Every structure is written in C-alpha cells, then in structure tokens.
Amino acid sequence: MLVKLNTPHADIMAAETFMAIIITITIQPLTTGWLVEKLSINK
C-alpha cells in the first residue's frame, strides 16, 4: 500500500515492520516461562 502511494523508503519500512512482528511473535513465547519464574507468579 505504501509503495502505491509513492512513499519514500516504503520498502524499508515494510521490511522493518515485518521483522518487528516476527521478532515479537518469536521472542515473547520463548521468554514467558523464564519471566514467570523470575517474578515468582508460578502457582
């Protein structure tokens, strides 16, 4: 969509957004167990 609007650096913004989503989806589940143990909220 940004490319069609001739937005400067649209390809870079799209790649950065994609990577931010992928990193968030992969890092969050991997650290949840560790965080639960550190915060002592394991019941």
PDB file of N, CA and C in Angstrom:
ATOM      1  N   MET A   1       0.824  -1.185   0.000  1.00  0.00           N
ATOM      2  CA  MET A   1       0.000   0.000   0.000  1.00  0.00           C
ATOM      3  C   MET A   1       0.871   1.252   0.000  1.00  0.00           C
ATOM      4  N   LEU A   2       1.933   1.257   0.804  1.00  0.00           N
ATOM      5  CA  LEU A   2       2.811   2.430   0.830  1.00  0.00           C
ATOM      6  C   LEU A   2       3.522   2.633  -0.500  1.00  0.00           C
ATOM      7  N   VAL A   3       3.839   1.538  -1.174  1.00  0.00           N
ATOM      8  CA  VAL A   3       4.529   1.644  -2.465  1.00  0.00           C
ATOM      9  C   VAL A   3       3.618   2.313  -3.491  1.00  0.00           C
ATOM     10  N   LYS A   4       2.353   1.968  -3.469  1.00  0.00           N
ATOM     11  CA  LYS A   4       1.398   2.568  -4.408  1.00  0.00           C
ATOM     12  C   LYS A   4       1.226   4.066  -4.170  1.00  0.00           C
ATOM     13  N   LEU A   5       1.437   4.505  -2.919  1.00  0.00           N
ATOM     14  CA  LEU A   5       1.300   5.922  -2.596  1.00  0.00           C
ATOM     15  C   LEU A   5       2.595   6.693  -2.837  1.00  0.00           C
ATOM     16  N   ASN A   6       3.612   6.000  -3.372  1.00  0.00           N
ATOM     17  CA  ASN A   6       4.918   6.603  -3.638  1.00  0.00           C
ATOM     18  C   ASN A   6       5.562   7.183  -2.370  1.00  0.00           C
ATOM     19  N   THR A   7       5.407   6.487  -1.282  1.00  0.00           N
ATOM     20  CA  THR A   7       6.020   6.897  -0.018  1.00  0.00           C
ATOM     21  C   THR A   7       7.515   6.629  -0.084  1.00  0.00           C
ATOM     22  N   PRO A   8       8.331   7.602   0.289  1.00  0.00           N
ATOM     23  CA  PRO A   8       9.779   7.379   0.273  1.00  0.00           C
ATOM     24  C   PRO A   8      10.176   6.258   1.239  1.00  0.00           C
ATOM     25  N   HIS A   9      11.045   5.377   0.795  1.00  0.00           N
ATOM     26  CA  HIS A   9      11.575   4.271   1.598  1.00  0.00           C
ATOM     27  C   HIS A   9      10.489   3.306   2.073  1.00  0.00           C
ATOM     28  N   ALA A  10       9.443   3.137   1.290  1.00  0.00           N
ATOM     29  CA  ALA A  10       8.338   2.256   1.664  1.00  0.00           C
ATOM     30  C   ALA A  10       8.804   0.814   1.799  1.00  0.00           C
ATOM     31  N   ASP A  11       9.726   0.381   0.953  1.00  0.00           N
ATOM     32  CA  ASP A  11      10.199  -0.998   1.029  1.00  0.00           C
ATOM     33  C   ASP A  11      10.958  -1.259   2.322  1.00  0.00           C
ATOM     34  N   ILE A  12      11.714  -0.270   2.790  1.00  0.00           N
ATOM     35  CA  ILE A  12      12.452  -0.419   4.045  1.00  0.00           C
ATOM     36  C   ILE A  12      11.490  -0.429   5.230  1.00  0.00           C
ATOM     37  N   MET A  13      10.495   0.439   5.210  1.00  0.00           N
ATOM     38  CA  MET A  13       9.518   0.477   6.296  1.00  0.00           C
ATOM     39  C   MET A  13       8.732  -0.827   6.375  1.00  0.00           C
ATOM     40  N   ALA A  14       8.375  -1.387   5.244  1.00  0.00           N
ATOM     41  CA  ALA A  14       7.635  -2.649   5.221  1.00  0.00           C
ATOM     42  C   ALA A  14       8.497  -3.779   5.787  1.00  0.00           C
ATOM     43  N   ALA A  15       9.765  -3.822   5.415  1.00  0.00           N
ATOM     44  CA  ALA A  15      10.658  -4.866   5.920  1.00  0.00           C
ATOM     45  C   ALA A  15      10.874  -4.727   7.427  1.00  0.00           C
ATOM     46  N   GLU A  16      11.047  -3.509   7.915  1.00  0.00           N
ATOM     47  CA  GLU A  16      11.243  -3.287   9.347  1.00  0.00           C
ATOM     48  C   GLU A  16       9.998  -3.666  10.142  1.00  0.00           C
ATOM     49  N   THR A  17       8.832  -3.334   9.617  1.00  0.00           N
ATOM     50  CA  THR A  17       7.583  -3.695  10.287  1.00  0.00           C
ATOM     51  C   THR A  17       7.421  -5.202  10.352  1.00  0.00           C
ATOM     52  N   PHE A  18       7.709  -5.874   9.243  1.00  0.00           N
ATOM     53  CA  PHE A  18       7.626  -7.330   9.192  1.00  0.00           C
ATOM     54  C   PHE A  18       8.571  -7.965  10.208  1.00  0.00           C
ATOM     55  N   MET A  19       9.796  -7.489  10.269  1.00  0.00           N
ATOM     56  CA  MET A  19      10.768  -8.046  11.211  1.00  0.00           C
ATOM     57  C   MET A  19      10.359  -7.783  12.659  1.00  0.00           C
ATOM     58  N   ALA A  20       9.812  -6.619  12.951  1.00  0.00           N
ATOM     59  CA  ALA A  20       9.362  -6.319  14.310  1.00  0.00           C
ATOM     60  C   ALA A  20       8.257  -7.278  14.738  1.00  0.00           C
ATOM     61  N   ILE A  21       7.343  -7.579  13.837  1.00  0.00           N
ATOM     62  CA  ILE A  21       6.254  -8.513  14.144  1.00  0.00           C
ATOM     63  C   ILE A  21       6.805  -9.917  14.356  1.00  0.00           C
ATOM     64  N   ILE A  22       7.694 -10.370  13.476  1.00  0.00           N
ATOM     65  CA  ILE A  22       8.264 -11.712  13.596  1.00  0.00           C
ATOM     66  C   ILE A  22       9.066 -11.847  14.893  1.00  0.00           C
ATOM     67  N   ILE A  23       9.871 -10.860  15.220  1.00  0.00           N
ATOM     68  CA  ILE A  23      10.666 -10.912  16.446  1.00  0.00           C
ATOM     69  C   ILE A  23       9.753 -10.937  17.673  1.00  0.00           C
ATOM     70  N   THR A  24       8.704 -10.134  17.663  1.00  0.00           N
ATOM     71  CA  THR A  24       7.770 -10.108  18.788  1.00  0.00           C
ATOM     72  C   THR A  24       7.088 -11.461  18.961  1.00  0.00           C
ATOM     73  N   ILE A  25       6.669 -12.066  17.858  1.00  0.00           N
ATOM     74  CA  ILE A  25       5.968 -13.347  17.919  1.00  0.00           C
ATOM     75  C   ILE A  25       6.891 -14.461  18.398  1.00  0.00           C
ATOM     76  N   THR A  26       8.171 -14.404  18.079  1.00  0.00           N
ATOM     77  CA  THR A  26       9.080 -15.483  18.472  1.00  0.00           C
ATOM     78  C   THR A  26       9.703 -15.266  19.843  1.00  0.00           C
ATOM     79  N   ILE A  27      10.040 -14.054  20.216  1.00  0.00           N
ATOM     80  CA  ILE A  27      10.710 -13.788  21.488  1.00  0.00           C
ATOM     81  C   ILE A  27       9.740 -13.898  22.661  1.00  0.00           C
ATOM     82  N   GLN A  28       8.545 -13.399  22.515  1.00  0.00           N
ATOM     83  CA  GLN A  28       7.597 -13.380  23.625  1.00  0.00           C
ATOM     84  C   GLN A  28       7.295 -14.785  24.170  1.00  0.00           C
ATOM     85  N   PRO A  29       6.959 -15.769  23.357  1.00  0.00           N
ATOM     86  CA  PRO A  29       6.698 -17.106  23.928  1.00  0.00           C
ATOM     87  C   PRO A  29       7.939 -17.759  24.528  1.00  0.00           C
ATOM     88  N   LEU A  30       9.098 -17.461  23.981  1.00  0.00           N
ATOM     89  CA  LEU A  30      10.317 -18.071  24.493  1.00  0.00           C
ATOM     90  C   LEU A  30      10.703 -17.543  25.869  1.00  0.00           C
ATOM     91  N   THR A  31      10.326 -16.323  26.184  1.00  0.00           N
ATOM     92  CA  THR A  31      10.719 -15.724  27.461  1.00  0.00           C
ATOM     93  C   THR A  31       9.624 -15.772  28.517  1.00  0.00           C
ATOM     94  N   THR A  32       8.435 -16.231  28.178  1.00  0.00           N
ATOM     95  CA  THR A  32       7.323 -16.223  29.134  1.00  0.00           C
ATOM     96  C   THR A  32       7.611 -17.100  30.352  1.00  0.00           C
ATOM     97  N   GLY A  33       8.075 -18.322  30.145  1.00  0.00           N
ATOM     98  CA  GLY A  33       8.375 -19.219  31.259  1.00  0.00           C
ATOM     99  C   GLY A  33       9.444 -18.666  32.177  1.00  0.00           C
ATOM    100  N   TRP A  34      10.493 -18.119  31.600  1.00  0.00           N
ATOM    101  CA  TRP A  34      11.575 -17.522  32.383  1.00  0.00           C
ATOM    102  C   TRP A  34      11.050 -16.363  33.222  1.00  0.00           C
ATOM    103  N   LEU A  35      10.205 -15.518  32.629  1.00  0.00           N
ATOM    104  CA  LEU A  35       9.665 -14.362  33.330  1.00  0.00           C
ATOM    105  C   LEU A  35       8.749 -14.784  34.472  1.00  0.00           C
ATOM    106  N   VAL A  36       7.955 -15.819  34.262  1.00  0.00           N
ATOM    107  CA  VAL A  36       7.079 -16.326  35.313  1.00  0.00           C
ATOM    108  C   VAL A  36       7.897 -16.787  36.514  1.00  0.00           C
ATOM    109  N   GLU A  37       8.990 -17.499  36.252  1.00  0.00           N
ATOM    110  CA  GLU A  37       9.852 -17.949  37.350  1.00  0.00           C
ATOM    111  C   GLU A  37      10.513 -16.789  38.077  1.00  0.00           C
ATOM    112  N   LYS A  38      10.993 -15.799  37.344  1.00  0.00           N
ATOM    113  CA  LYS A  38      11.678 -14.658  37.959  1.00  0.00           C
ATOM    114  C   LYS A  38      10.727 -13.802  38.799  1.00  0.00           C
ATOM    115  N   LEU A  39       9.483 -13.709  38.379  1.00  0.00           N
ATOM    116  CA  LEU A  39       8.503 -12.893  39.117  1.00  0.00           C
ATOM    117  C   LEU A  39       7.787 -13.693  40.201  1.00  0.00           C
ATOM    118  N   SER A  40       8.101 -14.979  40.300  1.00  0.00           N
ATOM    119  CA  SER A  40       7.504 -15.864  41.296  1.00  0.00           C
ATOM    120  C   SER A  40       5.980 -15.852  41.247  1.00  0.00           C
ATOM    121  N   ILE A  41       5.422 -15.923  40.063  1.00  0.00           N
ATOM    122  CA  ILE A  41       3.967 -15.976  39.922  1.00  0.00           C
ATOM    123  C   ILE A  41       3.504 -17.353  39.457  1.00  0.00           C
ATOM    124  N   ASN A  42       4.388 -18.338  39.605  1.00  0.00           N
ATOM    125  CA  ASN A  42       4.077 -19.707  39.234  1.00  0.00           C
ATOM    126  C   ASN A  42       3.216 -20.331  40.336  1.00  0.00           C
ATOM    127  N   LYS A  43       2.009 -20.744  39.997  1.00  0.00           N
ATOM    128  CA  LYS A  43       1.100 -21.300  41.017  1.00  0.00           C
ATOM    129  C   LYS A  43       0.942 -22.779  40.823  1.00  0.00           C
TER     130      LYS A  43
END
